[in-house]
């Protein structure tokens, strides 16, 4: 079985072949930041540290949300990416800060 290492949260999880990175993170508390889970918002952006060759092809939603420059730097949307072998992913403070700002806007809008 393939394994996914969520480097930022320090978890490694064995997954089924063709498992989705975001769904696996949600199910096993990998802690990938996310909002929508459908490729619309881009909050589940992760960087592939190792195992690019063990991922599904890049989807149109990823090109639209991330742009070619980020894709070339190894970024993917976890919600659009499926695993065929061992992979290591990470996400940075800027991703967590961006998600925090989105959450704060939602809180302010509800008040």
PDB file of N, CA and C in Angstrom:
ATOM      1  N   UNK A   1       0.833  -1.186   0.000  1.00  0.00           N
ATOM      2  CA  UNK A   1       0.000   0.000   0.000  1.00  0.00           C
ATOM      3  C   UNK A   1       0.879   1.252   0.000  1.00  0.00           C
ATOM      4  N   UNK A   2       0.471   2.265  -0.754  1.00  0.00           N
ATOM      5  CA  UNK A   2       1.227   3.521  -0.746  1.00  0.00           C
ATOM      6  C   UNK A   2       1.118   4.223   0.607  1.00  0.00           C
ATOM      7  N   UNK A   3       2.082   5.067   0.894  1.00  0.00           N
ATOM      8  CA  UNK A   3       1.994   5.873   2.106  1.00  0.00           C
ATOM      9  C   UNK A   3       2.088   7.345   1.737  1.00  0.00           C
ATOM     10  N   UNK A   4       1.374   8.164   2.519  1.00  0.00           N
ATOM     11  CA  UNK A   4       1.426   9.611   2.377  1.00  0.00           C
ATOM     12  C   UNK A   4       2.037  10.161   3.651  1.00  0.00           C
ATOM     13  N   UNK A   5       3.105  10.923   3.512  1.00  0.00           N
ATOM     14  CA  UNK A   5       3.712  11.591   4.650  1.00  0.00           C
ATOM     15  C   UNK A   5       3.301  13.055   4.606  1.00  0.00           C
ATOM     16  N   UNK A   6       2.568  13.460   5.638  1.00  0.00           N
ATOM     17  CA  UNK A   6       2.151  14.845   5.799  1.00  0.00           C
ATOM     18  C   UNK A   6       3.241  15.514   6.628  1.00  0.00           C
ATOM     19  N   UNK A   7       4.267  16.008   5.963  1.00  0.00           N
ATOM     20  CA  UNK A   7       5.477  16.498   6.616  1.00  0.00           C
ATOM     21  C   UNK A   7       5.180  17.602   7.637  1.00  0.00           C
ATOM     22  N   UNK A   8       4.297  18.522   7.313  1.00  0.00           N
ATOM     23  CA  UNK A   8       4.020  19.652   8.194  1.00  0.00           C
ATOM     24  C   UNK A   8       3.388  19.208   9.505  1.00  0.00           C
ATOM     25  N   UNK A   9       2.495  18.220   9.451  1.00  0.00           N
ATOM     26  CA  UNK A   9       1.832  17.744  10.669  1.00  0.00           C
ATOM     27  C   UNK A   9       2.550  16.550  11.288  1.00  0.00           C
ATOM     28  N   UNK A  10       3.540  15.993  10.577  1.00  0.00           N
ATOM     29  CA  UNK A  10       4.323  14.897  11.120  1.00  0.00           C
ATOM     30  C   UNK A  10       3.642  13.541  11.079  1.00  0.00           C
ATOM     31  N   UNK A  11       2.649  13.361  10.225  1.00  0.00           N
ATOM     32  CA  UNK A  11       1.945  12.080  10.136  1.00  0.00           C
ATOM     33  C   UNK A  11       2.323  11.350   8.856  1.00  0.00           C
ATOM     34  N   UNK A  12       2.406  10.034   8.960  1.00  0.00           N
ATOM     35  CA  UNK A  12       2.544   9.176   7.792  1.00  0.00           C
ATOM     36  C   UNK A  12       1.421   8.161   7.858  1.00  0.00           C
ATOM     37  N   UNK A  13       0.702   8.023   6.739  1.00  0.00           N
ATOM     38  CA  UNK A  13      -0.484   7.183   6.706  1.00  0.00           C
ATOM     39  C   UNK A  13      -0.412   6.268   5.500  1.00  0.00           C
ATOM     40  N   UNK A  14      -0.681   4.981   5.707  1.00  0.00           N
ATOM     41  CA  UNK A  14      -0.813   4.065   4.583  1.00  0.00           C
ATOM     42  C   UNK A  14      -2.200   4.251   3.996  1.00  0.00           C
ATOM     43  N   UNK A  15      -2.267   4.326   2.667  1.00  0.00           N
ATOM     44  CA  UNK A  15      -3.528   4.593   1.992  1.00  0.00           C
ATOM     45  C   UNK A  15      -3.781   3.561   0.899  1.00  0.00           C
ATOM     46  N   UNK A  16      -5.006   3.480   0.462  1.00  0.00           N
ATOM     47  CA  UNK A  16      -5.358   2.625  -0.670  1.00  0.00           C
ATOM     48  C   UNK A  16      -4.793   3.233  -1.950  1.00  0.00           C
ATOM     49  N   UNK A  17      -4.570   2.407  -2.940  1.00  0.00           N
ATOM     50  CA  UNK A  17      -4.175   2.887  -4.260  1.00  0.00           C
ATOM     51  C   UNK A  17      -5.230   3.870  -4.759  1.00  0.00           C
ATOM     52  N   UNK A  18      -4.833   4.968  -5.359  1.00  0.00           N
ATOM     53  CA  UNK A  18      -5.717   6.014  -5.896  1.00  0.00           C
ATOM     54  C   UNK A  18      -6.493   6.767  -4.821  1.00  0.00           C
ATOM     55  N   UNK A  19      -5.970   6.808  -3.596  1.00  0.00           N
ATOM     56  CA  UNK A  19      -6.596   7.592  -2.523  1.00  0.00           C
ATOM     57  C   UNK A  19      -6.416   9.077  -2.813  1.00  0.00           C
ATOM     58  N   UNK A  20      -7.395   9.878  -2.437  1.00  0.00           N
ATOM     59  CA  UNK A  20      -7.341  11.324  -2.606  1.00  0.00           C
ATOM     60  C   UNK A  20      -6.579  11.933  -1.432  1.00  0.00           C
ATOM     61  N   UNK A  21      -5.649  12.856  -1.726  1.00  0.00           N
ATOM     62  CA  UNK A  21      -4.821  13.455  -0.671  1.00  0.00           C
ATOM     63  C   UNK A  21      -5.647  14.186   0.379  1.00  0.00           C
ATOM     64  N   UNK A  22      -6.625  14.977  -0.030  1.00  0.00           N
ATOM     65  CA  UNK A  22      -7.412  15.734   0.945  1.00  0.00           C
ATOM     66  C   UNK A  22      -8.319  14.829   1.760  1.00  0.00           C
ATOM     67  N   UNK A  23      -9.034  13.922   1.112  1.00  0.00           N
ATOM     68  CA  UNK A  23      -9.934  13.032   1.858  1.00  0.00           C
ATOM     69  C   UNK A  23      -9.166  12.183   2.866  1.00  0.00           C
ATOM     70  N   UNK A  24      -7.972  11.750   2.466  1.00  0.00           N
ATOM     71  CA  UNK A  24      -7.138  10.981   3.386  1.00  0.00           C
ATOM     72  C   UNK A  24      -6.712  11.847   4.572  1.00  0.00           C
ATOM     73  N   UNK A  25      -6.350  13.086   4.298  1.00  0.00           N
ATOM     74  CA  UNK A  25      -5.962  14.005   5.368  1.00  0.00           C
ATOM     75  C   UNK A  25      -7.114  14.231   6.339  1.00  0.00           C
ATOM     76  N   UNK A  26      -8.305  14.426   5.823  1.00  0.00           N
ATOM     77  CA  UNK A  26      -9.477  14.641   6.682  1.00  0.00           C
ATOM     78  C   UNK A  26      -9.751  13.396   7.517  1.00  0.00           C
ATOM     79  N   UNK A  27      -9.758  12.242   6.876  1.00  0.00           N
ATOM     80  CA  UNK A  27     -10.092  10.985   7.549  1.00  0.00           C
ATOM     81  C   UNK A  27      -9.087  10.624   8.640  1.00  0.00           C
ATOM     82  N   UNK A  28      -7.804  10.866   8.389  1.00  0.00           N
ATOM     83  CA  UNK A  28      -6.760  10.435   9.321  1.00  0.00           C
ATOM     84  C   UNK A  28      -6.036  11.599  10.000  1.00  0.00           C
ATOM     85  N   UNK A  29      -6.651  12.774   9.987  1.00  0.00           N
ATOM     86  CA  UNK A  29      -6.140  13.958  10.679  1.00  0.00           C
ATOM     87  C   UNK A  29      -4.719  14.336  10.236  1.00  0.00           C
ATOM     88  N   UNK A  30      -4.546  14.385   8.922  1.00  0.00           N
ATOM     89  CA  UNK A  30      -3.271  14.834   8.361  1.00  0.00           C
ATOM     90  C   UNK A  30      -3.090  16.335   8.437  1.00  0.00           C
ATOM     91  N   UNK A  31      -4.181  17.065   8.651  1.00  0.00           N
ATOM     92  CA  UNK A  31      -4.186  18.515   8.897  1.00  0.00           C
ATOM     93  C   UNK A  31      -3.926  19.402   7.688  1.00  0.00           C
ATOM     94  N   UNK A  32      -4.144  18.898   6.466  1.00  0.00           N
ATOM     95  CA  UNK A  32      -4.023  19.772   5.297  1.00  0.00           C
ATOM     96  C   UNK A  32      -5.116  20.831   5.408  1.00  0.00           C
ATOM     97  N   UNK A  33      -4.757  22.120   5.299  1.00  0.00           N
ATOM     98  CA  UNK A  33      -5.773  23.170   5.360  1.00  0.00           C
ATOM     99  C   UNK A  33      -6.727  23.047   4.165  1.00  0.00           C
ATOM    100  N   UNK A  34      -8.002  23.289   4.385  1.00  0.00           N
ATOM    101  CA  UNK A  34      -8.967  23.261   3.284  1.00  0.00           C
ATOM    102  C   UNK A  34     -10.222  24.029   3.661  1.00  0.00           C
ATOM    103  N   UNK A  35     -10.965  24.391   2.638  1.00  0.00           N
ATOM    104  CA  UNK A  35     -12.232  25.069   2.839  1.00  0.00           C
ATOM    105  C   UNK A  35     -13.339  24.335   2.092  1.00  0.00           C
ATOM    106  N   UNK A  36     -13.217  24.206   0.776  1.00  0.00           N
ATOM    107  CA  UNK A  36     -14.337  23.665  -0.007  1.00  0.00           C
ATOM    108  C   UNK A  36     -14.184  22.192  -0.367  1.00  0.00           C
ATOM    109  N   UNK A  37     -12.993  21.733  -0.676  1.00  0.00           N
ATOM    110  CA  UNK A  37     -12.784  20.343  -1.052  1.00  0.00           C
ATOM    111  C   UNK A  37     -13.166  20.007  -2.478  1.00  0.00           C
ATOM    112  N   UNK A  38     -13.470  21.020  -3.298  1.00  0.00           N
ATOM    113  CA  UNK A  38     -13.896  20.762  -4.660  1.00  0.00           C
ATOM    114  C   UNK A  38     -13.081  21.428  -5.746  1.00  0.00           C
ATOM    115  N   UNK A  39     -11.931  21.984  -5.407  1.00  0.00           N
ATOM    116  CA  UNK A  39     -11.076  22.617  -6.400  1.00  0.00           C
ATOM    117  C   UNK A  39     -11.463  24.036  -6.749  1.00  0.00           C
ATOM    118  N   UNK A  40     -12.349  24.629  -5.958  1.00  0.00           N
ATOM    119  CA  UNK A  40     -12.820  25.977  -6.260  1.00  0.00           C
ATOM    120  C   UNK A  40     -12.043  27.066  -5.528  1.00  0.00           C
ATOM    121  N   UNK A  41     -11.619  26.803  -4.293  1.00  0.00           N
ATOM    122  CA  UNK A  41     -11.051  27.877  -3.474  1.00  0.00           C
ATOM    123  C   UNK A  41      -9.526  27.879  -3.438  1.00  0.00           C
ATOM    124  N   UNK A  42      -8.891  26.750  -3.604  1.00  0.00           N
ATOM    125  CA  UNK A  42      -7.434  26.680  -3.594  1.00  0.00           C
ATOM    126  C   UNK A  42      -6.787  26.617  -2.222  1.00  0.00           C
ATOM    127  N   UNK A  43      -7.576  26.514  -1.155  1.00  0.00           N
ATOM    128  CA  UNK A  43      -6.990  26.512   0.189  1.00  0.00           C
ATOM    129  C   UNK A  43      -6.262  25.216   0.529  1.00  0.00           C
ATOM    130  N   UNK A  44      -6.491  24.161  -0.213  1.00  0.00           N
ATOM    131  CA  UNK A  44      -5.821  22.884   0.080  1.00  0.00           C
ATOM    132  C   UNK A  44      -4.521  22.732  -0.712  1.00  0.00           C
ATOM    133  N   UNK A  45      -3.930  23.854  -1.066  1.00  0.00           N
ATOM    134  CA  UNK A  45      -2.671  23.838  -1.819  1.00  0.00           C
ATOM    135  C   UNK A  45      -1.569  23.214  -0.967  1.00  0.00           C
ATOM    136  N   UNK A  46      -0.901  22.224  -1.531  1.00  0.00           N
ATOM    137  CA  UNK A  46       0.226  21.574  -0.861  1.00  0.00           C
ATOM    138  C   UNK A  46       1.403  21.535  -1.828  1.00  0.00           C
ATOM    139  N   UNK A  47       2.592  21.407  -1.258  1.00  0.00           N
ATOM    140  CA  UNK A  47       3.777  21.263  -2.097  1.00  0.00           C
ATOM    141  C   UNK A  47       4.235  19.815  -2.014  1.00  0.00           C
ATOM    142  N   UNK A  48       4.512  19.249  -3.166  1.00  0.00           N
ATOM    143  CA  UNK A  48       4.982  17.872  -3.225  1.00  0.00           C
ATOM    144  C   UNK A  48       6.484  17.888  -2.970  1.00  0.00           C
ATOM    145  N   UNK A  49       6.884  17.288  -1.857  1.00  0.00           N
ATOM    146  CA  UNK A  49       8.289  17.246  -1.466  1.00  0.00           C
ATOM    147  C   UNK A  49       8.985  16.082  -2.158  1.00  0.00           C
ATOM    148  N   UNK A  50       8.283  14.962  -2.249  1.00  0.00           N
ATOM    149  CA  UNK A  50       8.850  13.751  -2.847  1.00  0.00           C
ATOM    150  C   UNK A  50       7.706  12.905  -3.397  1.00  0.00           C
ATOM    151  N   UNK A  51       7.937  12.266  -4.533  1.00  0.00           N
ATOM    152  CA  UNK A  51       6.946  11.344  -5.081  1.00  0.00           C
ATOM    153  C   UNK A  51       6.058  11.921  -6.162  1.00  0.00           C
ATOM    154  N   UNK A  52       6.512  12.956  -6.853  1.00  0.00           N
ATOM    155  CA  UNK A  52       5.721  13.554  -7.941  1.00  0.00           C
ATOM    156  C   UNK A  52       5.214  12.490  -8.916  1.00  0.00           C
ATOM    157  N   UNK A  53       6.064  11.510  -9.163  1.00  0.00           N
ATOM    158  CA  UNK A  53       5.732  10.477 -10.142  1.00  0.00           C
ATOM    159  C   UNK A  53       4.620   9.544  -9.667  1.00  0.00           C
ATOM    160  N   UNK A  54       4.252   9.645  -8.386  1.00  0.00           N
ATOM    161  CA  UNK A  54       3.218   8.777  -7.816  1.00  0.00           C
ATOM    162  C   UNK A  54       1.887   9.499  -7.641  1.00  0.00           C
ATOM    163  N   UNK A  55       1.653  10.518  -8.452  1.00  0.00           N
ATOM    164  CA  UNK A  55       0.421  11.294  -8.351  1.00  0.00           C
ATOM    165  C   UNK A  55      -0.345  11.261  -9.660  1.00  0.00           C
ATOM    166  N   UNK A  56      -1.638  11.496  -9.552  1.00  0.00           N
ATOM    167  CA  UNK A  56      -2.492  11.592 -10.731  1.00  0.00           C
ATOM    168  C   UNK A  56      -2.073  12.796 -11.572  1.00  0.00           C
ATOM    169  N   UNK A  57      -2.556  12.816 -12.808  1.00  0.00           N
ATOM    170  CA  UNK A  57      -2.224  13.942 -13.695  1.00  0.00           C
ATOM    171  C   UNK A  57      -2.832  15.235 -13.159  1.00  0.00           C
ATOM    172  N   UNK A  58      -2.239  16.340 -13.528  1.00  0.00           N
ATOM    173  CA  UNK A  58      -2.705  17.660 -13.103  1.00  0.00           C
ATOM    174  C   UNK A  58      -4.049  17.945 -13.760  1.00  0.00           C
ATOM    175  N   UNK A  59      -5.006  18.361 -12.948  1.00  0.00           N
ATOM    176  CA  UNK A  59      -6.366  18.624 -13.420  1.00  0.00           C
ATOM    177  C   UNK A  59      -6.505  20.090 -13.845  1.00  0.00           C
ATOM    178  N   UNK A  60      -7.502  20.356 -14.680  1.00  0.00           N
ATOM    179  CA  UNK A  60      -7.756  21.718 -15.163  1.00  0.00           C
ATOM    180  C   UNK A  60      -8.002  22.679 -14.004  1.00  0.00           C
ATOM    181  N   UNK A  61      -8.714  22.235 -12.970  1.00  0.00           N
ATOM    182  CA  UNK A  61      -8.974  23.099 -11.814  1.00  0.00           C
ATOM    183  C   UNK A  61      -7.673  23.529 -11.145  1.00  0.00           C
ATOM    184  N   UNK A  62      -6.675  22.659 -11.155  1.00  0.00           N
ATOM    185  CA  UNK A  62      -5.387  23.012 -10.565  1.00  0.00           C
ATOM    186  C   UNK A  62      -4.676  24.075 -11.402  1.00  0.00           C
ATOM    187  N   UNK A  63      -4.738  23.932 -12.700  1.00  0.00           N
ATOM    188  CA  UNK A  63      -4.136  24.928 -13.585  1.00  0.00           C
ATOM    189  C   UNK A  63      -4.826  26.273 -13.369  1.00  0.00           C
ATOM    190  N   UNK A  64      -6.157  26.259 -13.295  1.00  0.00           N
ATOM    191  CA  UNK A  64      -6.932  27.492 -13.102  1.00  0.00           C
ATOM    192  C   UNK A  64      -6.629  28.156 -11.756  1.00  0.00           C
ATOM    193  N   UNK A  65      -6.553  27.374 -10.681  1.00  0.00           N
ATOM    194  CA  UNK A  65      -6.367  27.915  -9.334  1.00  0.00           C
ATOM    195  C   UNK A  65      -4.922  28.255  -9.019  1.00  0.00           C
ATOM    196  N   UNK A  66      -3.993  27.414  -9.439  1.00  0.00           N
ATOM    197  CA  UNK A  66      -2.593  27.579  -9.046  1.00  0.00           C
ATOM    198  C   UNK A  66      -1.754  28.315 -10.081  1.00  0.00           C
ATOM    199  N   UNK A  67      -2.054  28.122 -11.338  1.00  0.00           N
ATOM    200  CA  UNK A  67      -1.236  28.686 -12.401  1.00  0.00           C
ATOM    201  C   UNK A  67      -0.018  27.808 -12.672  1.00  0.00           C
ATOM    202  N   UNK A  68       0.527  27.944 -13.850  1.00  0.00           N
ATOM    203  CA  UNK A  68       1.630  27.082 -14.266  1.00  0.00           C
ATOM    204  C   UNK A  68       2.882  27.268 -13.418  1.00  0.00           C
ATOM    205  N   UNK A  69       3.143  28.489 -12.960  1.00  0.00           N
ATOM    206  CA  UNK A  69       4.346  28.735 -12.164  1.00  0.00           C
ATOM    207  C   UNK A  69       4.330  27.918 -10.874  1.00  0.00           C
ATOM    208  N   UNK A  70       3.213  27.929 -10.143  1.00  0.00           N
ATOM    209  CA  UNK A  70       3.104  27.158  -8.896  1.00  0.00           C
ATOM    210  C   UNK A  70       3.154  25.661  -9.182  1.00  0.00           C
ATOM    211  N   UNK A  71       2.518  25.228 -10.251  1.00  0.00           N
ATOM    212  CA  UNK A  71       2.574  23.812 -10.618  1.00  0.00           C
ATOM    213  C   UNK A  71       4.016  23.396 -10.901  1.00  0.00           C
ATOM    214  N   UNK A  72       4.750  24.246 -11.600  1.00  0.00           N
ATOM    215  CA  UNK A  72       6.156  23.957 -11.899  1.00  0.00           C
ATOM    216  C   UNK A  72       7.009  23.899 -10.634  1.00  0.00           C
ATOM    217  N   UNK A  73       6.576  24.609  -9.577  1.00  0.00           N
ATOM    218  CA  UNK A  73       7.287  24.596  -8.303  1.00  0.00           C
ATOM    219  C   UNK A  73       6.885  23.388  -7.442  1.00  0.00           C
ATOM    220  N   UNK A  74       5.984  22.548  -7.946  1.00  0.00           N
ATOM    221  CA  UNK A  74       5.604  21.330  -7.231  1.00  0.00           C
ATOM    222  C   UNK A  74       4.356  21.450  -6.389  1.00  0.00           C
ATOM    223  N   UNK A  75       3.578  22.504  -6.568  1.00  0.00           N
ATOM    224  CA  UNK A  75       2.341  22.657  -5.811  1.00  0.00           C
ATOM    225  C   UNK A  75       1.208  21.912  -6.506  1.00  0.00           C
ATOM    226  N   UNK A  76       0.301  21.384  -5.699  1.00  0.00           N
ATOM    227  CA  UNK A  76      -0.918  20.724  -6.193  1.00  0.00           C
ATOM    228  C   UNK A  76      -2.064  21.072  -5.256  1.00  0.00           C
ATOM    229  N   UNK A  77      -3.282  20.856  -5.726  1.00  0.00           N
ATOM    230  CA  UNK A  77      -4.453  20.952  -4.858  1.00  0.00           C
ATOM    231  C   UNK A  77      -4.724  19.560  -4.317  1.00  0.00           C
ATOM    232  N   UNK A  78      -4.723  19.418  -3.005  1.00  0.00           N
ATOM    233  CA  UNK A  78      -4.908  18.101  -2.392  1.00  0.00           C
ATOM    234  C   UNK A  78      -6.249  17.482  -2.781  1.00  0.00           C
ATOM    235  N   UNK A  79      -7.275  18.304  -2.959  1.00  0.00           N
ATOM    236  CA  UNK A  79      -8.602  17.790  -3.297  1.00  0.00           C
ATOM    237  C   UNK A  79      -8.666  17.208  -4.703  1.00  0.00           C
ATOM    238  N   UNK A  80      -7.735  17.566  -5.557  1.00  0.00           N
ATOM    239  CA  UNK A  80      -7.741  17.120  -6.950  1.00  0.00           C
ATOM    240  C   UNK A  80      -6.664  16.078  -7.237  1.00  0.00           C
ATOM    241  N   UNK A  81      -5.924  15.663  -6.217  1.00  0.00           N
ATOM    242  CA  UNK A  81      -4.747  14.822  -6.414  1.00  0.00           C
ATOM    243  C   UNK A  81      -4.933  13.450  -5.787  1.00  0.00           C
ATOM    244  N   UNK A  82      -4.611  12.419  -6.560  1.00  0.00           N
ATOM    245  CA  UNK A  82      -4.754  11.030  -6.134  1.00  0.00           C
ATOM    246  C   UNK A  82      -3.385  10.356  -6.128  1.00  0.00           C
ATOM    247  N   UNK A  83      -3.208   9.413  -5.210  1.00  0.00           N
ATOM    248  CA  UNK A  83      -1.917   8.803  -4.929  1.00  0.00           C
ATOM    249  C   UNK A  83      -1.823   7.413  -5.554  1.00  0.00           C
ATOM    250  N   UNK A  84      -0.697   7.157  -6.245  1.00  0.00           N
ATOM    251  CA  UNK A  84      -0.458   5.823  -6.802  1.00  0.00           C
ATOM    252  C   UNK A  84       0.774   5.165  -6.195  1.00  0.00           C
ATOM    253  N   UNK A  85       1.491   5.892  -5.318  1.00  0.00           N
ATOM    254  CA  UNK A  85       2.686   5.382  -4.659  1.00  0.00           C
ATOM    255  C   UNK A  85       3.055   6.313  -3.514  1.00  0.00           C
ATOM    256  N   UNK A  86       4.195   6.073  -2.894  1.00  0.00           N
ATOM    257  CA  UNK A  86       4.618   6.865  -1.739  1.00  0.00           C
ATOM    258  C   UNK A  86       4.837   8.329  -2.101  1.00  0.00           C
ATOM    259  N   UNK A  87       4.312   9.221  -1.249  1.00  0.00           N
ATOM    260  CA  UNK A  87       4.368  10.658  -1.491  1.00  0.00           C
ATOM    261  C   UNK A  87       4.630  11.377  -0.171  1.00  0.00           C
ATOM    262  N   UNK A  88       5.392  12.467  -0.229  1.00  0.00           N
ATOM    263  CA  UNK A  88       5.579  13.358   0.917  1.00  0.00           C
ATOM    264  C   UNK A  88       5.111  14.738   0.498  1.00  0.00           C
ATOM    265  N   UNK A  89       4.247  15.344   1.328  1.00  0.00           N
ATOM    266  CA  UNK A  89       3.729  16.673   1.030  1.00  0.00           C
ATOM    267  C   UNK A  89       3.935  17.596   2.222  1.00  0.00           C
ATOM    268  N   UNK A  90       3.908  18.891   1.947  1.00  0.00           N
ATOM    269  CA  UNK A  90       4.013  19.883   3.016  1.00  0.00           C
ATOM    270  C   UNK A  90       3.179  21.096   2.643  1.00  0.00           C
ATOM    271  N   UNK A  91       2.962  21.943   3.599  1.00  0.00           N
ATOM    272  CA  UNK A  91       2.322  23.238   3.381  1.00  0.00           C
ATOM    273  C   UNK A  91       2.947  24.174   4.380  1.00  0.00           C
ATOM    274  N   UNK A  92       2.973  25.451   4.054  1.00  0.00           N
ATOM    275  CA  UNK A  92       3.705  26.403   4.871  1.00  0.00           C
ATOM    276  C   UNK A  92       2.829  27.310   5.690  1.00  0.00           C
ATOM    277  N   UNK A  93       3.499  28.175   6.436  1.00  0.00           N
ATOM    278  CA  UNK A  93       2.814  29.157   7.276  1.00  0.00           C
ATOM    279  C   UNK A  93       1.913  30.061   6.449  1.00  0.00           C
ATOM    280  N   UNK A  94       2.361  30.408   5.247  1.00  0.00           N
ATOM    281  CA  UNK A  94       1.537  31.301   4.431  1.00  0.00           C
ATOM    282  C   UNK A  94       0.192  30.650   4.116  1.00  0.00           C
ATOM    283  N   UNK A  95       0.171  29.325   3.942  1.00  0.00           N
ATOM    284  CA  UNK A  95      -1.094  28.633   3.697  1.00  0.00           C
ATOM    285  C   UNK A  95      -1.981  28.661   4.933  1.00  0.00           C
ATOM    286  N   UNK A  96      -1.380  28.449   6.102  1.00  0.00           N
ATOM    287  CA  UNK A  96      -2.145  28.468   7.345  1.00  0.00           C
ATOM    288  C   UNK A  96      -2.644  29.876   7.643  1.00  0.00           C
ATOM    289  N   UNK A  97      -1.813  30.880   7.396  1.00  0.00           N
ATOM    290  CA  UNK A  97      -2.225  32.272   7.601  1.00  0.00           C
ATOM    291  C   UNK A  97      -3.363  32.651   6.666  1.00  0.00           C
ATOM    292  N   UNK A  98      -3.274  32.205   5.420  1.00  0.00           N
ATOM    293  CA  UNK A  98      -4.326  32.504   4.443  1.00  0.00           C
ATOM    294  C   UNK A  98      -5.651  31.886   4.887  1.00  0.00           C
ATOM    295  N   UNK A  99      -5.612  30.651   5.372  1.00  0.00           N
ATOM    296  CA  UNK A  99      -6.825  29.990   5.841  1.00  0.00           C
ATOM    297  C   UNK A  99      -7.388  30.701   7.067  1.00  0.00           C
ATOM    298  N   UNK A 100      -6.503  31.173   7.960  1.00  0.00           N
ATOM    299  CA  UNK A 100      -6.939  31.915   9.142  1.00  0.00           C
ATOM    300  C   UNK A 100      -7.648  33.210   8.767  1.00  0.00           C
ATOM    301  N   UNK A 101      -7.157  33.893   7.736  1.00  0.00           N
ATOM    302  CA  UNK A 101      -7.790  35.132   7.280  1.00  0.00           C
ATOM    303  C   UNK A 101      -9.178  34.856   6.705  1.00  0.00           C
ATOM    304  N   UNK A 102      -9.294  33.775   5.973  1.00  0.00           N
ATOM    305  CA  UNK A 102     -10.595  33.399   5.420  1.00  0.00           C
ATOM    306  C   UNK A 102     -11.578  33.115   6.552  1.00  0.00           C
ATOM    307  N   UNK A 103     -11.125  32.376   7.561  1.00  0.00           N
ATOM    308  CA  UNK A 103     -11.986  32.064   8.705  1.00  0.00           C
ATOM    309  C   UNK A 103     -12.399  33.332   9.442  1.00  0.00           C
ATOM    310  N   UNK A 104     -11.481  34.267   9.612  1.00  0.00           N
ATOM    311  CA  UNK A 104     -11.798  35.511  10.306  1.00  0.00           C
ATOM    312  C   UNK A 104     -12.826  36.330   9.537  1.00  0.00           C
ATOM    313  N   UNK A 105     -12.707  36.365   8.212  1.00  0.00           N
ATOM    314  CA  UNK A 105     -13.703  37.079   7.400  1.00  0.00           C
ATOM    315  C   UNK A 105     -15.083  36.458   7.574  1.00  0.00           C
ATOM    316  N   UNK A 106     -15.134  35.119   7.646  1.00  0.00           N
ATOM    317  CA  UNK A 106     -16.425  34.444   7.834  1.00  0.00           C
ATOM    318  C   UNK A 106     -17.017  34.788   9.204  1.00  0.00           C
ATOM    319  N   UNK A 107     -16.187  34.839  10.223  1.00  0.00           N
ATOM    320  CA  UNK A 107     -16.652  35.182  11.575  1.00  0.00           C
ATOM    321  C   UNK A 107     -17.183  36.614  11.588  1.00  0.00           C
ATOM    322  N   UNK A 108     -16.425  37.535  10.988  1.00  0.00           N
ATOM    323  CA  UNK A 108     -16.841  38.935  10.946  1.00  0.00           C
ATOM    324  C   UNK A 108     -18.137  39.111  10.167  1.00  0.00           C
ATOM    325  N   UNK A 109     -18.307  38.370   9.091  1.00  0.00           N
ATOM    326  CA  UNK A 109     -19.518  38.469   8.279  1.00  0.00           C
ATOM    327  C   UNK A 109     -20.740  37.954   9.015  1.00  0.00           C
ATOM    328  N   UNK A 110     -20.537  36.983   9.903  1.00  0.00           N
ATOM    329  CA  UNK A 110     -21.660  36.388  10.658  1.00  0.00           C
ATOM    330  C   UNK A 110     -22.122  37.257  11.806  1.00  0.00           C
ATOM    331  N   UNK A 111     -21.313  38.222  12.207  1.00  0.00           N
ATOM    332  CA  UNK A 111     -21.658  39.052  13.369  1.00  0.00           C
ATOM    333  C   UNK A 111     -22.591  40.171  13.022  1.00  0.00           C
TER     334      UNK A 111
END
